[in-house]
Amino acid sequence: AEGKPIPWITYPCLSFLKSRVTSKMEVFEF
C-alpha cells in the first residue's frame, strides 16, 4: 500500500513470513 516492493506470492504467506524472517538468515531465489 505504500508502494514498497513485495514478493509476488499470496498475501497470507507474505503476512506469515513478515514476523518470522530474521536478519541472520540467508536466502536463495530462483
PDB file of all heavy atoms in Angstrom:
ATOM      1  N   ALA A   1       0.814  -1.214   0.000  1.00  0.00           N
ATOM      2  CA  ALA A   1       0.000   0.000   0.000  1.00  0.00           C
ATOM      3  C   ALA A   1       0.849   1.267   0.000  1.00  0.00           C
ATOM      4  O   ALA A   1       0.384   2.332  -0.407  1.00  0.00           O
ATOM      5  CB  ALA A   1      -0.927  -0.007   1.215  1.00  0.00           C
ATOM      6  N   GLU A   2       2.094   1.161   0.447  1.00  0.00           N
ATOM      7  CA  GLU A   2       2.999   2.306   0.461  1.00  0.00           C
ATOM      8  C   GLU A   2       3.867   2.384  -0.791  1.00  0.00           C
ATOM      9  O   GLU A   2       4.728   3.258  -0.901  1.00  0.00           O
ATOM     10  CB  GLU A   2       3.891   2.240   1.702  1.00  0.00           C
ATOM     11  CG  GLU A   2       3.106   2.318   3.009  1.00  0.00           C
ATOM     12  CD  GLU A   2       4.008   2.187   4.211  1.00  0.00           C
ATOM     13  OE1 GLU A   2       5.207   1.887   4.042  1.00  0.00           O
ATOM     14  OE2 GLU A   2       3.520   2.382   5.334  1.00  0.00           O
ATOM     15  N   GLY A   3       3.658   1.449  -1.716  1.00  0.00           N
ATOM     16  CA  GLY A   3       4.443   1.433  -2.942  1.00  0.00           C
ATOM     17  C   GLY A   3       5.772   0.727  -2.815  1.00  0.00           C
ATOM     18  O   GLY A   3       6.601   0.779  -3.734  1.00  0.00           O
ATOM     19  N   LYS A   4       5.987   0.041  -1.701  1.00  0.00           N
ATOM     20  CA  LYS A   4       7.243  -0.672  -1.491  1.00  0.00           C
ATOM     21  C   LYS A   4       7.178  -2.070  -2.121  1.00  0.00           C
ATOM     22  O   LYS A   4       6.110  -2.688  -2.161  1.00  0.00           O
ATOM     23  CB  LYS A   4       7.538  -0.793   0.005  1.00  0.00           C
ATOM     24  CG  LYS A   4       7.766   0.539   0.691  1.00  0.00           C
ATOM     25  CD  LYS A   4       8.036   0.350   2.175  1.00  0.00           C
ATOM     26  CE  LYS A   4       8.273   1.679   2.871  1.00  0.00           C
ATOM     27  NZ  LYS A   4       8.516   1.511   4.325  1.00  0.00           N
ATOM     28  N   PRO A   5       8.311  -2.584  -2.622  1.00  0.00           N
ATOM     29  CA  PRO A   5       8.306  -3.895  -3.280  1.00  0.00           C
ATOM     30  C   PRO A   5       7.998  -5.034  -2.330  1.00  0.00           C
ATOM     31  O   PRO A   5       8.445  -5.038  -1.171  1.00  0.00           O
ATOM     32  CB  PRO A   5       9.730  -4.011  -3.843  1.00  0.00           C
ATOM     33  CG  PRO A   5      10.555  -3.106  -2.991  1.00  0.00           C
ATOM     34  CD  PRO A   5       9.660  -1.964  -2.622  1.00  0.00           C
ATOM     35  N   ILE A   6       7.228  -5.990  -2.814  1.00  0.00           N
ATOM     36  CA  ILE A   6       6.912  -7.206  -2.053  1.00  0.00           C
ATOM     37  C   ILE A   6       6.995  -8.403  -2.996  1.00  0.00           C
ATOM     38  O   ILE A   6       6.901  -8.259  -4.212  1.00  0.00           O
ATOM     39  CB  ILE A   6       5.494  -7.141  -1.423  1.00  0.00           C
ATOM     40  CG1 ILE A   6       4.426  -6.927  -2.500  1.00  0.00           C
ATOM     41  CG2 ILE A   6       5.421  -6.063  -0.354  1.00  0.00           C
ATOM     42  CD1 ILE A   6       3.001  -7.023  -1.981  1.00  0.00           C
ATOM     43  N   PRO A   7       7.189  -9.601  -2.450  1.00  0.00           N
ATOM     44  CA  PRO A   7       7.208 -10.798  -3.297  1.00  0.00           C
ATOM     45  C   PRO A   7       5.859 -11.016  -3.983  1.00  0.00           C
ATOM     46  O   PRO A   7       4.810 -10.724  -3.408  1.00  0.00           O
ATOM     47  CB  PRO A   7       7.508 -11.926  -2.298  1.00  0.00           C
ATOM     48  CG  PRO A   7       8.158 -11.257  -1.132  1.00  0.00           C
ATOM     49  CD  PRO A   7       7.505  -9.907  -1.048  1.00  0.00           C
ATOM     50  N   TRP A   8       5.909 -11.574  -5.171  1.00  0.00           N
ATOM     51  CA  TRP A   8       4.679 -11.889  -5.903  1.00  0.00           C
ATOM     52  C   TRP A   8       4.204 -13.280  -5.485  1.00  0.00           C
ATOM     53  O   TRP A   8       4.204 -14.221  -6.258  1.00  0.00           O
ATOM     54  CB  TRP A   8       4.932 -11.798  -7.402  1.00  0.00           C
ATOM     55  CG  TRP A   8       3.679 -11.705  -8.222  1.00  0.00           C
ATOM     56  CD1 TRP A   8       2.406 -11.597  -7.777  1.00  0.00           C
ATOM     57  CD2 TRP A   8       3.593 -11.704  -9.656  1.00  0.00           C
ATOM     58  NE1 TRP A   8       1.513 -11.531  -8.815  1.00  0.00           N
ATOM     59  CE2 TRP A   8       2.224 -11.597  -9.988  1.00  0.00           C
ATOM     60  CE3 TRP A   8       4.544 -11.778 -10.671  1.00  0.00           C
ATOM     61  CZ2 TRP A   8       1.786 -11.574 -11.306  1.00  0.00           C
ATOM     62  CZ3 TRP A   8       4.099 -11.750 -11.980  1.00  0.00           C
ATOM     63  CH2 TRP A   8       2.737 -11.660 -12.301  1.00  0.00           C
ATOM     64  N   ILE A   9       3.821 -13.383  -4.209  1.00  0.00           N
ATOM     65  CA  ILE A   9       3.290 -14.608  -3.640  1.00  0.00           C
ATOM     66  C   ILE A   9       1.949 -14.279  -3.000  1.00  0.00           C
ATOM     67  O   ILE A   9       1.517 -13.125  -2.997  1.00  0.00           O
ATOM     68  CB  ILE A   9       4.249 -15.213  -2.592  1.00  0.00           C
ATOM     69  CG1 ILE A   9       4.491 -14.220  -1.440  1.00  0.00           C
ATOM     70  CG2 ILE A   9       5.582 -15.608  -3.250  1.00  0.00           C
ATOM     71  CD1 ILE A   9       5.374 -14.751  -0.323  1.00  0.00           C
ATOM     72  N   THR A  10       1.270 -15.254  -2.433  1.00  0.00           N
ATOM     73  CA  THR A  10      -0.025 -14.974  -1.828  1.00  0.00           C
ATOM     74  C   THR A  10       0.141 -14.071  -0.607  1.00  0.00           C
ATOM     75  O   THR A  10       1.120 -14.169   0.142  1.00  0.00           O
ATOM     76  CB  THR A  10      -0.745 -16.264  -1.410  1.00  0.00           C
ATOM     77  OG1 THR A  10       0.008 -16.933  -0.387  1.00  0.00           O
ATOM     78  CG2 THR A  10      -0.934 -17.197  -2.595  1.00  0.00           C
ATOM     79  N   TYR A  11      -0.823 -13.207  -0.402  1.00  0.00           N
ATOM     80  CA  TYR A  11      -0.774 -12.306   0.746  1.00  0.00           C
ATOM     81  C   TYR A  11      -0.749 -13.059   2.083  1.00  0.00           C
ATOM     82  O   TYR A  11      -0.030 -12.633   3.003  1.00  0.00           O
ATOM     83  CB  TYR A  11      -1.958 -11.340   0.712  1.00  0.00           C
ATOM     84  CG  TYR A  11      -1.827 -10.262  -0.345  1.00  0.00           C
ATOM     85  CD1 TYR A  11      -2.703 -10.208  -1.423  1.00  0.00           C
ATOM     86  CD2 TYR A  11      -0.836  -9.292  -0.256  1.00  0.00           C
ATOM     87  CE1 TYR A  11      -2.590  -9.211  -2.386  1.00  0.00           C
ATOM     88  CE2 TYR A  11      -0.718  -8.291  -1.216  1.00  0.00           C
ATOM     89  CZ  TYR A  11      -1.598  -8.267  -2.280  1.00  0.00           C
ATOM     90  OH  TYR A  11      -1.476  -7.274  -3.243  1.00  0.00           O
ATOM     91  N   PRO A  12      -1.492 -14.158   2.247  1.00  0.00           N
ATOM     92  CA  PRO A  12      -1.392 -14.888   3.516  1.00  0.00           C
ATOM     93  C   PRO A  12       0.019 -15.390   3.815  1.00  0.00           C
ATOM     94  O   PRO A  12       0.477 -15.326   4.955  1.00  0.00           O
ATOM     95  CB  PRO A  12      -2.382 -16.048   3.325  1.00  0.00           C
ATOM     96  CG  PRO A  12      -3.377 -15.533   2.354  1.00  0.00           C
ATOM     97  CD  PRO A  12      -2.592 -14.684   1.401  1.00  0.00           C
ATOM     98  N   CYS A  13       0.728 -15.866   2.795  1.00  0.00           N
ATOM     99  CA  CYS A  13       2.094 -16.324   3.004  1.00  0.00           C
ATOM    100  C   CYS A  13       3.014 -15.156   3.347  1.00  0.00           C
ATOM    101  O   CYS A  13       3.878 -15.262   4.230  1.00  0.00           O
ATOM    102  CB  CYS A  13       2.612 -17.060   1.775  1.00  0.00           C
ATOM    103  SG  CYS A  13       4.242 -17.824   2.008  1.00  0.00           S
ATOM    104  N   LEU A  14       2.824 -14.047   2.681  1.00  0.00           N
ATOM    105  CA  LEU A  14       3.636 -12.867   2.949  1.00  0.00           C
ATOM    106  C   LEU A  14       3.444 -12.399   4.391  1.00  0.00           C
ATOM    107  O   LEU A  14       4.422 -12.070   5.086  1.00  0.00           O
ATOM    108  CB  LEU A  14       3.268 -11.752   1.975  1.00  0.00           C
ATOM    109  CG  LEU A  14       4.034 -10.437   2.122  1.00  0.00           C
ATOM    110  CD1 LEU A  14       5.523 -10.651   1.938  1.00  0.00           C
ATOM    111  CD2 LEU A  14       3.506  -9.413   1.113  1.00  0.00           C
ATOM    112  N   SER A  15       2.217 -12.381   4.857  1.00  0.00           N
ATOM    113  CA  SER A  15       1.937 -11.982   6.232  1.00  0.00           C
ATOM    114  C   SER A  15       2.605 -12.930   7.220  1.00  0.00           C
ATOM    115  O   SER A  15       3.126 -12.494   8.263  1.00  0.00           O
ATOM    116  CB  SER A  15       0.424 -11.954   6.480  1.00  0.00           C
ATOM    117  OG  SER A  15      -0.206 -10.989   5.672  1.00  0.00           O
ATOM    118  N   PHE A  16       2.592 -14.199   6.895  1.00  0.00           N
ATOM    119  CA  PHE A  16       3.218 -15.209   7.753  1.00  0.00           C
ATOM    120  C   PHE A  16       4.727 -14.986   7.846  1.00  0.00           C
ATOM    121  O   PHE A  16       5.324 -15.062   8.919  1.00  0.00           O
ATOM    122  CB  PHE A  16       2.921 -16.597   7.187  1.00  0.00           C
ATOM    123  CG  PHE A  16       3.531 -17.722   7.967  1.00  0.00           C
ATOM    124  CD1 PHE A  16       2.910 -18.214   9.103  1.00  0.00           C
ATOM    125  CD2 PHE A  16       4.723 -18.305   7.551  1.00  0.00           C
ATOM    126  CE1 PHE A  16       3.481 -19.254   9.825  1.00  0.00           C
ATOM    127  CE2 PHE A  16       5.291 -19.344   8.263  1.00  0.00           C
ATOM    128  CZ  PHE A  16       4.670 -19.824   9.401  1.00  0.00           C
ATOM    129  N   LEU A  17       5.350 -14.687   6.716  1.00  0.00           N
ATOM    130  CA  LEU A  17       6.800 -14.524   6.682  1.00  0.00           C
ATOM    131  C   LEU A  17       7.279 -13.279   7.418  1.00  0.00           C
ATOM    132  O   LEU A  17       8.362 -13.269   8.013  1.00  0.00           O
ATOM    133  CB  LEU A  17       7.286 -14.480   5.235  1.00  0.00           C
ATOM    134  CG  LEU A  17       7.214 -15.770   4.433  1.00  0.00           C
ATOM    135  CD1 LEU A  17       7.539 -15.495   2.970  1.00  0.00           C
ATOM    136  CD2 LEU A  17       8.180 -16.812   4.993  1.00  0.00           C
ATOM    137  N   LYS A  18       6.504 -12.215   7.373  1.00  0.00           N
ATOM    138  CA  LYS A  18       6.944 -10.925   7.896  1.00  0.00           C
ATOM    139  C   LYS A  18       7.444 -11.007   9.331  1.00  0.00           C
ATOM    140  O   LYS A  18       8.445 -10.370   9.685  1.00  0.00           O
ATOM    141  CB  LYS A  18       5.800  -9.906   7.808  1.00  0.00           C
ATOM    142  CG  LYS A  18       5.554  -9.359   6.417  1.00  0.00           C
ATOM    143  CD  LYS A  18       4.403  -8.368   6.430  1.00  0.00           C
ATOM    144  CE  LYS A  18       4.139  -7.790   5.052  1.00  0.00           C
ATOM    145  NZ  LYS A  18       2.976  -6.864   5.054  1.00  0.00           N
ATOM    146  N   SER A  19       6.768 -11.765  10.166  1.00  0.00           N
ATOM    147  CA  SER A  19       7.126 -11.806  11.583  1.00  0.00           C
ATOM    148  C   SER A  19       8.137 -12.906  11.905  1.00  0.00           C
ATOM    149  O   SER A  19       8.577 -13.020  13.054  1.00  0.00           O
ATOM    150  CB  SER A  19       5.864 -12.018  12.433  1.00  0.00           C
ATOM    151  OG  SER A  19       5.257 -13.260  12.115  1.00  0.00           O
ATOM    152  N   ARG A  20       8.533 -13.704  10.910  1.00  0.00           N
ATOM    153  CA  ARG A  20       9.391 -14.855  11.183  1.00  0.00           C
ATOM    154  C   ARG A  20      10.760 -14.781  10.520  1.00  0.00           C
ATOM    155  O   ARG A  20      11.678 -15.498  10.913  1.00  0.00           O
ATOM    156  CB  ARG A  20       8.676 -16.135  10.745  1.00  0.00           C
ATOM    157  CG  ARG A  20       7.417 -16.388  11.580  1.00  0.00           C
ATOM    158  CD  ARG A  20       6.578 -17.533  11.055  1.00  0.00           C
ATOM    159  NE  ARG A  20       5.345 -17.655  11.800  1.00  0.00           N
ATOM    160  CZ  ARG A  20       5.094 -18.622  12.693  1.00  0.00           C
ATOM    161  NH1 ARG A  20       6.013 -19.544  12.933  1.00  0.00           N
ATOM    162  NH2 ARG A  20       3.951 -18.668  13.335  1.00  0.00           N
ATOM    163  N   VAL A  21      10.891 -13.932   9.530  1.00  0.00           N
ATOM    164  CA  VAL A  21      12.181 -13.770   8.863  1.00  0.00           C
ATOM    165  C   VAL A  21      13.085 -12.912   9.745  1.00  0.00           C
ATOM    166  O   VAL A  21      12.654 -11.905  10.306  1.00  0.00           O
ATOM    167  CB  VAL A  21      11.987 -13.099   7.485  1.00  0.00           C
ATOM    168  CG1 VAL A  21      13.321 -12.737   6.861  1.00  0.00           C
ATOM    169  CG2 VAL A  21      11.208 -14.022   6.562  1.00  0.00           C
ATOM    170  N   THR A  22      14.369 -13.316   9.872  1.00  0.00           N
ATOM    171  CA  THR A  22      15.296 -12.576  10.715  1.00  0.00           C
ATOM    172  C   THR A  22      16.514 -12.119   9.909  1.00  0.00           C
ATOM    173  O   THR A  22      16.816 -12.659   8.833  1.00  0.00           O
ATOM    174  CB  THR A  22      15.783 -13.436  11.892  1.00  0.00           C
ATOM    175  OG1 THR A  22      16.672 -14.455  11.410  1.00  0.00           O
ATOM    176  CG2 THR A  22      14.602 -14.077  12.613  1.00  0.00           C
ATOM    177  N   SER A  23      17.232 -11.169  10.461  1.00  0.00           N
ATOM    178  CA  SER A  23      18.392 -10.584   9.783  1.00  0.00           C
ATOM    179  C   SER A  23      19.579 -11.537   9.706  1.00  0.00           C
ATOM    180  O   SER A  23      20.544 -11.269   8.987  1.00  0.00           O
ATOM    181  CB  SER A  23      18.821  -9.290  10.493  1.00  0.00           C
ATOM    182  OG  SER A  23      19.159  -9.561  11.847  1.00  0.00           O
ATOM    183  N   LYS A  24      19.539 -12.644  10.425  1.00  0.00           N
ATOM    184  CA  LYS A  24      20.631 -13.618  10.395  1.00  0.00           C
ATOM    185  C   LYS A  24      20.497 -14.611   9.238  1.00  0.00           C
ATOM    186  O   LYS A  24      21.420 -15.374   8.961  1.00  0.00           O
ATOM    187  CB  LYS A  24      20.687 -14.379  11.718  1.00  0.00           C
ATOM    188  CG  LYS A  24      21.008 -13.508  12.919  1.00  0.00           C
ATOM    189  CD  LYS A  24      21.062 -14.325  14.181  1.00  0.00           C
ATOM    190  CE  LYS A  24      21.388 -13.450  15.387  1.00  0.00           C
ATOM    191  NZ  LYS A  24      21.437 -14.237  16.646  1.00  0.00           N
ATOM    192  N   MET A  25      19.375 -14.598   8.572  1.00  0.00           N
ATOM    193  CA  MET A  25      19.098 -15.590   7.533  1.00  0.00           C
ATOM    194  C   MET A  25      19.805 -15.262   6.222  1.00  0.00           C
ATOM    195  O   MET A  25      20.111 -14.106   5.929  1.00  0.00           O
ATOM    196  CB  MET A  25      17.596 -15.684   7.278  1.00  0.00           C
ATOM    197  CG  MET A  25      16.805 -16.259   8.419  1.00  0.00           C
ATOM    198  SD  MET A  25      15.041 -16.337   8.005  1.00  0.00           S
ATOM    199  CE  MET A  25      14.391 -17.130   9.480  1.00  0.00           C
ATOM    200  N   GLU A  26      20.034 -16.314   5.433  1.00  0.00           N
ATOM    201  CA  GLU A  26      20.482 -16.176   4.047  1.00  0.00           C
ATOM    202  C   GLU A  26      19.461 -16.868   3.154  1.00  0.00           C
ATOM    203  O   GLU A  26      18.924 -17.926   3.500  1.00  0.00           O
ATOM    204  CB  GLU A  26      21.871 -16.780   3.850  1.00  0.00           C
ATOM    205  CG  GLU A  26      22.952 -16.048   4.625  1.00  0.00           C
ATOM    206  CD  GLU A  26      24.350 -16.439   4.194  1.00  0.00           C
ATOM    207  OE1 GLU A  26      24.520 -16.903   3.041  1.00  0.00           O
ATOM    208  OE2 GLU A  26      25.278 -16.279   4.996  1.00  0.00           O
ATOM    209  N   VAL A  27      19.206 -16.268   1.999  1.00  0.00           N
ATOM    210  CA  VAL A  27      18.118 -16.718   1.117  1.00  0.00           C
ATOM    211  C   VAL A  27      18.646 -16.927  -0.293  1.00  0.00           C
ATOM    212  O   VAL A  27      19.463 -16.128  -0.786  1.00  0.00           O
ATOM    213  CB  VAL A  27      16.966 -15.688   1.107  1.00  0.00           C
ATOM    214  CG1 VAL A  27      15.902 -16.066   0.077  1.00  0.00           C
ATOM    215  CG2 VAL A  27      16.343 -15.567   2.499  1.00  0.00           C
ATOM    216  N   PHE A  28      18.162 -17.974  -0.934  1.00  0.00           N
ATOM    217  CA  PHE A  28      18.441 -18.211  -2.354  1.00  0.00           C
ATOM    218  C   PHE A  28      17.119 -18.140  -3.109  1.00  0.00           C
ATOM    219  O   PHE A  28      16.112 -18.702  -2.678  1.00  0.00           O
ATOM    220  CB  PHE A  28      19.077 -19.583  -2.575  1.00  0.00           C
ATOM    221  CG  PHE A  28      19.503 -19.826  -4.003  1.00  0.00           C
ATOM    222  CD1 PHE A  28      20.824 -19.627  -4.384  1.00  0.00           C
ATOM    223  CD2 PHE A  28      18.588 -20.243  -4.965  1.00  0.00           C
ATOM    224  CE1 PHE A  28      21.226 -19.835  -5.700  1.00  0.00           C
ATOM    225  CE2 PHE A  28      18.973 -20.447  -6.285  1.00  0.00           C
ATOM    226  CZ  PHE A  28      20.292 -20.255  -6.649  1.00  0.00           C
ATOM    227  N   GLU A  29      17.145 -17.466  -4.252  1.00  0.00           N
ATOM    228  CA  GLU A  29      15.956 -17.358  -5.093  1.00  0.00           C
ATOM    229  C   GLU A  29      16.229 -17.847  -6.504  1.00  0.00           C
ATOM    230  O   GLU A  29      17.219 -17.442  -7.125  1.00  0.00           O
ATOM    231  CB  GLU A  29      15.505 -15.903  -5.207  1.00  0.00           C
ATOM    232  CG  GLU A  29      14.818 -15.301  -4.031  1.00  0.00           C
ATOM    233  CD  GLU A  29      14.229 -13.948  -4.405  1.00  0.00           C
ATOM    234  OE1 GLU A  29      14.999 -13.019  -4.720  1.00  0.00           O
ATOM    235  OE2 GLU A  29      12.993 -13.821  -4.404  1.00  0.00           O
ATOM    236  N   PHE A  30      15.362 -18.681  -7.014  1.00  0.00           N
ATOM    237  CA  PHE A  30      15.297 -18.947  -8.447  1.00  0.00           C
ATOM    238  C   PHE A  30      14.289 -17.961  -9.028  1.00  0.00           C
ATOM    239  O   PHE A  30      13.091 -18.053  -8.794  1.00  0.00           O
ATOM    240  CB  PHE A  30      14.850 -20.383  -8.725  1.00  0.00           C
ATOM    241  CG  PHE A  30      15.918 -21.406  -8.501  1.00  0.00           C
ATOM    242  CD1 PHE A  30      15.897 -22.212  -7.369  1.00  0.00           C
ATOM    243  CD2 PHE A  30      16.945 -21.588  -9.425  1.00  0.00           C
ATOM    244  CE1 PHE A  30      16.877 -23.174  -7.162  1.00  0.00           C
ATOM    245  CE2 PHE A  30      17.934 -22.536  -9.216  1.00  0.00           C
ATOM    246  CZ  PHE A  30      17.904 -23.331  -8.082  1.00  0.00           C
TER     247      PHE A  30
END
